[in-house]
Amino acid sequence: MKPVQWIICSVLAIILLGVLSAIPITDAVTIVSIKEEKMLAYFPVETEGSRFDIVYTHSIHLTEVRDSYVILNDGTIRQTGLEFEDTGVGMPANAEEGETFKLKDGKYYIDNMKRDFSWIDLSTGQVRANHRLVVRGKVIPFSTFAEPGSLVRIKKEKISLWRQWEGVKIVGR
């Protein structure tokens, strides 16, 4: 192969790799800084029904709260459950229609929730909240990828290889 042909082939290969790395191919839940519009972290969604929880310390009661979510096939994030230790300010006192409210071992549970969101905006705790993401049994503090007090958006989307390099892969293959 002549040097000119080799250079042309190399340039075309680099362009092709660049184009391919920009095509969204991986289903993932992303956590994006709203202020900077930058992906901070993500985890691959392996199947419809992938689950995750957000756990935090309630600012008034100083007790743990766990919000449970599932990813639907259309990208909707559905809240399926809520677990907490104290009723009162900022906490529900009962379930909505079709949900179940129970007290077990000193904790309150609301199950069978079907509250759908296109995305979740979350202000990460600065003082007490200590927000944690729980995916496939792994607990990841939001503070490992987001500044305390920052506003982040959590949503399901297809991301490219380029965007995967941008963020921190927190759980996955």
C-alpha atoms as a PDB file:
ATOM      1  CA  MET A   1       0.000   0.000   0.000  1.00  0.00           C
ATOM      2  CA  LYS A   2       1.336   3.412  -0.934  1.00  0.00           C
ATOM      3  CA  PRO A   3       1.897   6.000   1.826  1.00  0.00           C
ATOM      4  CA  VAL A   4      -0.877   8.242   0.459  1.00  0.00           C
ATOM      5  CA  GLN A   5      -3.370   5.348   0.422  1.00  0.00           C
ATOM      6  CA  TRP A   6      -2.340   4.411   3.948  1.00  0.00           C
ATOM      7  CA  ILE A   7      -2.924   7.993   5.161  1.00  0.00           C
ATOM      8  CA  ILE A   8      -6.327   8.162   3.450  1.00  0.00           C
ATOM      9  CA  CYS A   9      -7.371   4.808   4.952  1.00  0.00           C
ATOM     10  CA  SER A  10      -6.176   5.908   8.397  1.00  0.00           C
ATOM     11  CA  VAL A  11      -8.075   9.203   8.211  1.00  0.00           C
ATOM     12  CA  LEU A  12     -11.237   7.424   7.048  1.00  0.00           C
ATOM     13  CA  ALA A  13     -10.895   4.877   9.865  1.00  0.00           C
ATOM     14  CA  ILE A  14     -10.537   7.662  12.432  1.00  0.00           C
ATOM     15  CA  ILE A  15     -13.585   9.469  11.026  1.00  0.00           C
ATOM     16  CA  LEU A  16     -15.594   6.222  11.076  1.00  0.00           C
ATOM     17  CA  LEU A  17     -14.607   5.533  14.694  1.00  0.00           C
ATOM     18  CA  GLY A  18     -15.578   9.088  15.616  1.00  0.00           C
ATOM     19  CA  VAL A  19     -18.982   8.743  13.985  1.00  0.00           C
ATOM     20  CA  LEU A  20     -19.613   5.329  15.539  1.00  0.00           C
ATOM     21  CA  SER A  21     -18.628   6.557  19.010  1.00  0.00           C
ATOM     22  CA  ALA A  22     -21.241   9.337  18.726  1.00  0.00           C
ATOM     23  CA  ILE A  23     -24.210   7.041  17.943  1.00  0.00           C
ATOM     24  CA  PRO A  24     -26.414   6.436  21.004  1.00  0.00           C
ATOM     25  CA  ILE A  25     -26.481   2.662  21.486  1.00  0.00           C
ATOM     26  CA  THR A  26     -26.557   1.894  25.216  1.00  0.00           C
ATOM     27  CA  ASP A  27     -29.714   2.136  27.332  1.00  0.00           C
ATOM     28  CA  ALA A  28     -28.712   3.764  30.606  1.00  0.00           C
ATOM     29  CA  VAL A  29     -29.969   5.723  33.540  1.00  0.00           C
ATOM     30  CA  THR A  30     -27.973   8.938  33.521  1.00  0.00           C
ATOM     31  CA  ILE A  31     -27.334  11.453  36.262  1.00  0.00           C
ATOM     32  CA  VAL A  32     -26.715  14.869  34.747  1.00  0.00           C
ATOM     33  CA  SER A  33     -25.740  18.148  36.399  1.00  0.00           C
ATOM     34  CA  ILE A  34     -28.567  20.527  35.544  1.00  0.00           C
ATOM     35  CA  LYS A  35     -26.383  23.596  36.023  1.00  0.00           C
ATOM     36  CA  GLU A  36     -23.465  22.385  33.894  1.00  0.00           C
ATOM     37  CA  GLU A  37     -25.513  20.158  31.543  1.00  0.00           C
ATOM     38  CA  LYS A  38     -22.834  17.502  31.988  1.00  0.00           C
ATOM     39  CA  MET A  39     -23.321  13.793  32.592  1.00  0.00           C
ATOM     40  CA  LEU A  40     -21.853  12.935  35.970  1.00  0.00           C
ATOM     41  CA  ALA A  41     -22.610   9.232  36.154  1.00  0.00           C
ATOM     42  CA  TYR A  42     -24.660   6.463  34.606  1.00  0.00           C
ATOM     43  CA  PHE A  43     -25.534   2.815  34.907  1.00  0.00           C
ATOM     44  CA  PRO A  44     -26.585   0.555  32.046  1.00  0.00           C
ATOM     45  CA  VAL A  45     -30.192  -0.615  31.943  1.00  0.00           C
ATOM     46  CA  GLU A  46     -30.006  -4.287  31.116  1.00  0.00           C
ATOM     47  CA  THR A  47     -33.702  -5.100  30.748  1.00  0.00           C
ATOM     48  CA  GLU A  48     -37.102  -3.551  31.144  1.00  0.00           C
ATOM     49  CA  GLY A  49     -37.804  -3.672  34.827  1.00  0.00           C
ATOM     50  CA  SER A  50     -34.326  -2.641  35.930  1.00  0.00           C
ATOM     51  CA  ARG A  51     -34.604  -1.257  39.429  1.00  0.00           C
ATOM     52  CA  PHE A  52     -32.857   1.276  41.586  1.00  0.00           C
ATOM     53  CA  ASP A  53     -33.431   2.988  44.914  1.00  0.00           C
ATOM     54  CA  ILE A  54     -32.572   6.399  46.272  1.00  0.00           C
ATOM     55  CA  VAL A  55     -31.894   6.381  49.998  1.00  0.00           C
ATOM     56  CA  TYR A  56     -31.431   9.482  52.134  1.00  0.00           C
ATOM     57  CA  THR A  57     -31.730  10.826  55.660  1.00  0.00           C
ATOM     58  CA  HIS A  58     -34.839  12.971  56.118  1.00  0.00           C
ATOM     59  CA  SER A  59     -33.814  16.498  57.120  1.00  0.00           C
ATOM     60  CA  ILE A  60     -36.420  16.901  59.860  1.00  0.00           C
ATOM     61  CA  HIS A  61     -36.915  13.397  61.261  1.00  0.00           C
ATOM     62  CA  LEU A  62     -33.265  12.390  60.769  1.00  0.00           C
ATOM     63  CA  THR A  63     -34.405   8.893  59.780  1.00  0.00           C
ATOM     64  CA  GLU A  64     -33.786   6.867  56.620  1.00  0.00           C
ATOM     65  CA  VAL A  65     -36.128   7.116  53.641  1.00  0.00           C
ATOM     66  CA  ARG A  66     -35.969   4.750  50.646  1.00  0.00           C
ATOM     67  CA  ASP A  67     -37.655   5.535  47.329  1.00  0.00           C
ATOM     68  CA  SER A  68     -37.836   2.542  44.972  1.00  0.00           C
ATOM     69  CA  TYR A  69     -38.034   2.855  41.186  1.00  0.00           C
ATOM     70  CA  VAL A  70     -38.306   0.655  38.109  1.00  0.00           C
ATOM     71  CA  ILE A  71     -37.456   1.561  34.506  1.00  0.00           C
ATOM     72  CA  LEU A  72     -40.267   0.861  32.040  1.00  0.00           C
ATOM     73  CA  ASN A  73     -39.642  -0.068  28.414  1.00  0.00           C
ATOM     74  CA  ASP A  74     -40.678   3.369  27.133  1.00  0.00           C
ATOM     75  CA  GLY A  75     -38.085   5.056  29.367  1.00  0.00           C
ATOM     76  CA  THR A  76     -40.509   6.085  32.073  1.00  0.00           C
ATOM     77  CA  ILE A  77     -39.197   5.961  35.627  1.00  0.00           C
ATOM     78  CA  ARG A  78     -41.906   4.547  37.881  1.00  0.00           C
ATOM     79  CA  GLN A  79     -41.814   4.967  41.627  1.00  0.00           C
ATOM     80  CA  THR A  80     -42.953   1.623  43.025  1.00  0.00           C
ATOM     81  CA  GLY A  81     -42.394   1.973  46.743  1.00  0.00           C
ATOM     82  CA  LEU A  82     -41.541   4.157  49.676  1.00  0.00           C
ATOM     83  CA  GLU A  83     -40.065   3.086  53.015  1.00  0.00           C
ATOM     84  CA  PHE A  84     -39.699   5.422  55.986  1.00  0.00           C
ATOM     85  CA  GLU A  85     -39.526   5.382  59.772  1.00  0.00           C
ATOM     86  CA  ASP A  86     -41.494   8.430  60.863  1.00  0.00           C
ATOM     87  CA  THR A  87     -44.708  10.086  59.744  1.00  0.00           C
ATOM     88  CA  GLY A  88     -45.119  13.819  59.949  1.00  0.00           C
ATOM     89  CA  VAL A  89     -43.733  16.782  58.066  1.00  0.00           C
ATOM     90  CA  GLY A  90     -42.863  15.871  54.489  1.00  0.00           C
ATOM     91  CA  MET A  91     -43.965  12.243  54.730  1.00  0.00           C
ATOM     92  CA  PRO A  92     -47.246  10.676  53.604  1.00  0.00           C
ATOM     93  CA  ALA A  93     -49.747   9.571  56.226  1.00  0.00           C
ATOM     94  CA  ASN A  94     -51.538   7.163  53.930  1.00  0.00           C
ATOM     95  CA  ALA A  95     -51.469   5.530  50.501  1.00  0.00           C
ATOM     96  CA  GLU A  96     -53.057   6.755  47.293  1.00  0.00           C
ATOM     97  CA  GLU A  97     -55.748   4.744  45.519  1.00  0.00           C
ATOM     98  CA  GLY A  98     -54.476   1.262  44.563  1.00  0.00           C
ATOM     99  CA  GLU A  99     -51.432   1.464  46.847  1.00  0.00           C
ATOM    100  CA  THR A 100     -50.919  -0.345  50.139  1.00  0.00           C
ATOM    101  CA  PHE A 101     -49.799   1.296  53.385  1.00  0.00           C
ATOM    102  CA  LYS A 102     -48.432  -0.884  56.153  1.00  0.00           C
ATOM    103  CA  LEU A 103     -46.370  -0.750  59.322  1.00  0.00           C
ATOM    104  CA  LYS A 104     -43.875  -3.566  59.802  1.00  0.00           C
ATOM    105  CA  ASP A 105     -40.997  -3.820  62.274  1.00  0.00           C
ATOM    106  CA  GLY A 106     -41.219  -0.114  63.105  1.00  0.00           C
ATOM    107  CA  LYS A 107     -41.113   1.056  59.480  1.00  0.00           C
ATOM    108  CA  TYR A 108     -43.845   2.353  57.222  1.00  0.00           C
ATOM    109  CA  TYR A 109     -44.151   1.005  53.696  1.00  0.00           C
ATOM    110  CA  ILE A 110     -46.156   2.212  50.750  1.00  0.00           C
ATOM    111  CA  ASP A 111     -46.166  -0.456  48.057  1.00  0.00           C
ATOM    112  CA  ASN A 112     -47.797  -0.964  44.678  1.00  0.00           C
ATOM    113  CA  MET A 113     -47.083   2.645  43.728  1.00  0.00           C
ATOM    114  CA  LYS A 114     -47.416   3.599  40.079  1.00  0.00           C
ATOM    115  CA  ARG A 115     -46.142   7.155  40.022  1.00  0.00           C
ATOM    116  CA  ASP A 116     -44.537   7.804  36.642  1.00  0.00           C
ATOM    117  CA  PHE A 117     -41.850  10.346  35.776  1.00  0.00           C
ATOM    118  CA  SER A 118     -40.006  11.228  32.585  1.00  0.00           C
ATOM    119  CA  TRP A 119     -37.116  12.249  34.821  1.00  0.00           C
ATOM    120  CA  ILE A 120     -36.371  12.978  38.470  1.00  0.00           C
ATOM    121  CA  ASP A 121     -34.764  16.250  39.536  1.00  0.00           C
ATOM    122  CA  LEU A 122     -32.928  15.882  42.832  1.00  0.00           C
ATOM    123  CA  SER A 123     -31.095  18.370  44.999  1.00  0.00           C
ATOM    124  CA  THR A 124     -28.289  16.414  46.616  1.00  0.00           C
ATOM    125  CA  GLY A 125     -27.978  16.919  50.342  1.00  0.00           C
ATOM    126  CA  GLN A 126     -25.430  19.349  51.714  1.00  0.00           C
ATOM    127  CA  VAL A 127     -25.731  18.635  55.422  1.00  0.00           C
ATOM    128  CA  ARG A 128     -27.666  15.561  56.530  1.00  0.00           C
ATOM    129  CA  ALA A 129     -29.335  13.884  53.571  1.00  0.00           C
ATOM    130  CA  ASN A 130     -26.373  11.786  52.421  1.00  0.00           C
ATOM    131  CA  HIS A 131     -28.218  10.707  49.260  1.00  0.00           C
ATOM    132  CA  ARG A 132     -27.244   7.245  48.057  1.00  0.00           C
ATOM    133  CA  LEU A 133     -28.072   5.392  44.881  1.00  0.00           C
ATOM    134  CA  VAL A 134     -28.661   1.650  45.250  1.00  0.00           C
ATOM    135  CA  VAL A 135     -28.310  -0.390  42.061  1.00  0.00           C
ATOM    136  CA  ARG A 136     -28.014  -4.189  41.919  1.00  0.00           C
ATOM    137  CA  GLY A 137     -27.124  -4.295  45.610  1.00  0.00           C
ATOM    138  CA  LYS A 138     -24.352  -1.719  45.294  1.00  0.00           C
ATOM    139  CA  VAL A 139     -24.655   1.485  47.340  1.00  0.00           C
ATOM    140  CA  ILE A 140     -23.090   4.577  45.748  1.00  0.00           C
ATOM    141  CA  PRO A 141     -23.129   7.926  47.580  1.00  0.00           C
ATOM    142  CA  PHE A 142     -24.130  10.778  45.289  1.00  0.00           C
ATOM    143  CA  SER A 143     -21.189  12.689  46.793  1.00  0.00           C
ATOM    144  CA  THR A 144     -18.810  10.415  44.849  1.00  0.00           C
ATOM    145  CA  PHE A 145     -19.882  12.024  41.563  1.00  0.00           C
ATOM    146  CA  ALA A 146     -21.920  15.158  42.433  1.00  0.00           C
ATOM    147  CA  GLU A 147     -21.146  18.135  44.628  1.00  0.00           C
ATOM    148  CA  PRO A 148     -23.296  18.299  47.789  1.00  0.00           C
ATOM    149  CA  GLY A 149     -26.140  20.765  47.217  1.00  0.00           C
ATOM    150  CA  SER A 150     -26.081  20.389  43.436  1.00  0.00           C
ATOM    151  CA  LEU A 151     -29.168  19.836  41.329  1.00  0.00           C
ATOM    152  CA  VAL A 152     -29.114  16.690  39.189  1.00  0.00           C
ATOM    153  CA  ARG A 153     -31.519  15.114  36.725  1.00  0.00           C
ATOM    154  CA  ILE A 154     -31.970  11.338  36.669  1.00  0.00           C
ATOM    155  CA  LYS A 155     -33.431   9.858  33.502  1.00  0.00           C
ATOM    156  CA  LYS A 156     -33.295   6.904  31.157  1.00  0.00           C
ATOM    157  CA  GLU A 157     -31.794   7.523  27.750  1.00  0.00           C
ATOM    158  CA  LYS A 158     -29.650   5.987  25.062  1.00  0.00           C
ATOM    159  CA  ILE A 159     -26.046   7.093  25.325  1.00  0.00           C
ATOM    160  CA  SER A 160     -23.120   6.856  22.944  1.00  0.00           C
ATOM    161  CA  LEU A 161     -19.648   5.543  23.671  1.00  0.00           C
ATOM    162  CA  TRP A 162     -18.511   9.163  23.745  1.00  0.00           C
ATOM    163  CA  ARG A 163     -21.008  10.009  26.518  1.00  0.00           C
ATOM    164  CA  GLN A 164     -20.008   6.865  28.400  1.00  0.00           C
ATOM    165  CA  TRP A 165     -16.449   8.170  28.493  1.00  0.00           C
ATOM    166  CA  GLU A 166     -17.775  11.507  29.761  1.00  0.00           C
ATOM    167  CA  GLY A 167     -19.472  10.124  32.883  1.00  0.00           C
ATOM    168  CA  VAL A 168     -18.566   7.767  35.675  1.00  0.00           C
ATOM    169  CA  LYS A 169     -19.904   4.254  35.193  1.00  0.00           C
ATOM    170  CA  ILE A 170     -21.174   3.474  38.662  1.00  0.00           C
ATOM    171  CA  VAL A 171     -22.640   0.012  38.210  1.00  0.00           C
ATOM    172  CA  GLY A 172     -22.715  -2.357  35.309  1.00  0.00           C
ATOM    173  CA  ARG A 173     -21.225  -4.827  32.984  1.00  0.00           C
END
